Amino acid sequence: MILNLADIEEAGKRLASGEQPYEFRTSDSTLRIPGPACGFGAEYLQRCRTNGMYAESLEEAQAIAHARNLIITGVWFVKRPS
């Protein structure tokens, strides 16, 4: 799997078109917020959601980041086929 990082402006357009985020990038590179395209498995994602560390949308990710005084700086997506 190949990922590419989109800035917030591009990510907003891609999310609006229905593309699923793999992971949200924050201003603290150690905080990882997985998204629905990560494919890590239901049990792991449920644990992340329970701990407030999983987001299905940019708005959810921003709320998680804001609660930790961080911002979302980009969104990782699975690379589109050429």
C-alpha atoms as a PDB file:
ATOM      1  CA  MET A   1       0.000   0.000   0.000  1.00  0.00           C
ATOM      2  CA  ILE A   2       1.304   3.424  -0.914  1.00  0.00           C
ATOM      3  CA  LEU A   3       0.144   6.519   0.936  1.00  0.00           C
ATOM      4  CA  ASN A   4       0.283  10.161   0.032  1.00  0.00           C
ATOM      5  CA  LEU A   5      -0.082  13.179   2.290  1.00  0.00           C
ATOM      6  CA  ALA A   6      -2.509  15.939   1.366  1.00  0.00           C
ATOM      7  CA  ASP A   7      -2.519  19.389   2.925  1.00  0.00           C
ATOM      8  CA  ILE A   8      -5.746  20.496   4.599  1.00  0.00           C
ATOM      9  CA  GLU A   9      -7.087  22.341   1.545  1.00  0.00           C
ATOM     10  CA  GLU A  10      -6.606  19.391  -0.806  1.00  0.00           C
ATOM     11  CA  ALA A  11      -7.753  16.936   1.872  1.00  0.00           C
ATOM     12  CA  GLY A  12     -11.004  18.834   2.329  1.00  0.00           C
ATOM     13  CA  LYS A  13     -11.768  18.462  -1.384  1.00  0.00           C
ATOM     14  CA  ARG A  14     -10.878  14.779  -1.391  1.00  0.00           C
ATOM     15  CA  LEU A  15     -12.946  14.088   1.705  1.00  0.00           C
ATOM     16  CA  ALA A  16     -15.902  16.024   0.222  1.00  0.00           C
ATOM     17  CA  SER A  17     -15.708  13.813  -2.868  1.00  0.00           C
ATOM     18  CA  GLY A  18     -16.075  10.723  -0.667  1.00  0.00           C
ATOM     19  CA  GLU A  19     -12.464   9.578  -0.413  1.00  0.00           C
ATOM     20  CA  GLN A  20     -11.722   7.876   2.909  1.00  0.00           C
ATOM     21  CA  PRO A  21      -8.814   9.078   5.084  1.00  0.00           C
ATOM     22  CA  TYR A  22      -6.122   6.611   6.091  1.00  0.00           C
ATOM     23  CA  GLU A  23      -4.755   8.750   8.922  1.00  0.00           C
ATOM     24  CA  PHE A  24      -4.879  12.329  10.142  1.00  0.00           C
ATOM     25  CA  ARG A  25      -1.557  14.084  10.698  1.00  0.00           C
ATOM     26  CA  THR A  26      -1.243  16.461  13.644  1.00  0.00           C
ATOM     27  CA  SER A  27       1.174  19.197  14.628  1.00  0.00           C
ATOM     28  CA  ASP A  28       2.695  16.626  17.027  1.00  0.00           C
ATOM     29  CA  SER A  29       4.006  13.866  14.784  1.00  0.00           C
ATOM     30  CA  THR A  30       3.755  11.316  17.597  1.00  0.00           C
ATOM     31  CA  LEU A  31      -0.061  11.573  17.723  1.00  0.00           C
ATOM     32  CA  ARG A  32      -1.565   9.290  15.106  1.00  0.00           C
ATOM     33  CA  ILE A  33      -5.302   9.429  14.439  1.00  0.00           C
ATOM     34  CA  PRO A  34      -6.309   6.557  12.159  1.00  0.00           C
ATOM     35  CA  GLY A  35      -9.232   6.885   9.768  1.00  0.00           C
ATOM     36  CA  PRO A  36     -11.557   4.392   8.104  1.00  0.00           C
ATOM     37  CA  ALA A  37      -9.189   3.494   5.230  1.00  0.00           C
ATOM     38  CA  CYS A  38      -6.424   2.283   7.552  1.00  0.00           C
ATOM     39  CA  GLY A  39      -7.723  -1.299   7.581  1.00  0.00           C
ATOM     40  CA  PHE A  40      -6.289  -2.110  11.007  1.00  0.00           C
ATOM     41  CA  GLY A  41      -9.196  -4.314  12.062  1.00  0.00           C
ATOM     42  CA  ALA A  42     -12.395  -3.756  13.994  1.00  0.00           C
ATOM     43  CA  GLU A  43     -11.045  -4.599  17.466  1.00  0.00           C
ATOM     44  CA  TYR A  44      -8.088  -2.219  17.235  1.00  0.00           C
ATOM     45  CA  LEU A  45     -10.209   0.590  15.795  1.00  0.00           C
ATOM     46  CA  GLN A  46     -12.852   0.122  18.498  1.00  0.00           C
ATOM     47  CA  ARG A  47     -10.121   0.454  21.120  1.00  0.00           C
ATOM     48  CA  CYS A  48      -8.847   3.608  19.376  1.00  0.00           C
ATOM     49  CA  ARG A  49     -12.375   5.039  19.262  1.00  0.00           C
ATOM     50  CA  THR A  50     -12.911   4.241  22.950  1.00  0.00           C
ATOM     51  CA  ASN A  51      -9.694   6.106  23.752  1.00  0.00           C
ATOM     52  CA  GLY A  52     -10.691   9.063  21.567  1.00  0.00           C
ATOM     53  CA  MET A  53      -8.047   8.269  18.973  1.00  0.00           C
ATOM     54  CA  TYR A  54     -10.039   7.366  15.833  1.00  0.00           C
ATOM     55  CA  ALA A  55     -11.820   9.719  13.456  1.00  0.00           C
ATOM     56  CA  GLU A  56     -14.044   9.115  10.472  1.00  0.00           C
ATOM     57  CA  SER A  57     -14.106  12.763   9.416  1.00  0.00           C
ATOM     58  CA  LEU A  58     -11.916  15.841   9.431  1.00  0.00           C
ATOM     59  CA  GLU A  59     -14.250  17.419  11.986  1.00  0.00           C
ATOM     60  CA  GLU A  60     -13.831  14.479  14.385  1.00  0.00           C
ATOM     61  CA  ALA A  61     -10.046  14.557  13.931  1.00  0.00           C
ATOM     62  CA  GLN A  62      -9.967  18.303  14.568  1.00  0.00           C
ATOM     63  CA  ALA A  63     -11.932  17.843  17.802  1.00  0.00           C
ATOM     64  CA  ILE A  64      -9.491  15.155  18.976  1.00  0.00           C
ATOM     65  CA  ALA A  65      -6.501  17.331  18.101  1.00  0.00           C
ATOM     66  CA  HIS A  66      -8.044  20.466  19.635  1.00  0.00           C
ATOM     67  CA  ALA A  67      -8.617  18.627  22.938  1.00  0.00           C
ATOM     68  CA  ARG A  68      -4.841  18.074  23.026  1.00  0.00           C
ATOM     69  CA  ASN A  69      -3.986  21.659  21.959  1.00  0.00           C
ATOM     70  CA  LEU A  70      -2.890  20.447  18.518  1.00  0.00           C
ATOM     71  CA  ILE A  71      -4.036  21.047  14.968  1.00  0.00           C
ATOM     72  CA  ILE A  72      -4.537  18.773  11.991  1.00  0.00           C
ATOM     73  CA  THR A  73      -1.835  19.583   9.459  1.00  0.00           C
ATOM     74  CA  GLY A  74      -2.679  17.035   6.764  1.00  0.00           C
ATOM     75  CA  VAL A  75      -4.429  13.831   5.874  1.00  0.00           C
ATOM     76  CA  TRP A  76      -2.869  10.627   4.603  1.00  0.00           C
ATOM     77  CA  PHE A  77      -4.761   8.865   1.803  1.00  0.00           C
ATOM     78  CA  VAL A  78      -4.168   5.553   0.064  1.00  0.00           C
ATOM     79  CA  LYS A  79      -2.615   6.467  -3.284  1.00  0.00           C
ATOM     80  CA  ARG A  80      -5.070   6.509  -6.136  1.00  0.00           C
ATOM     81  CA  PRO A  81      -4.345   4.155  -9.044  1.00  0.00           C
ATOM     82  CA  SER A  82      -2.772   5.912 -12.027  1.00  0.00           C
END
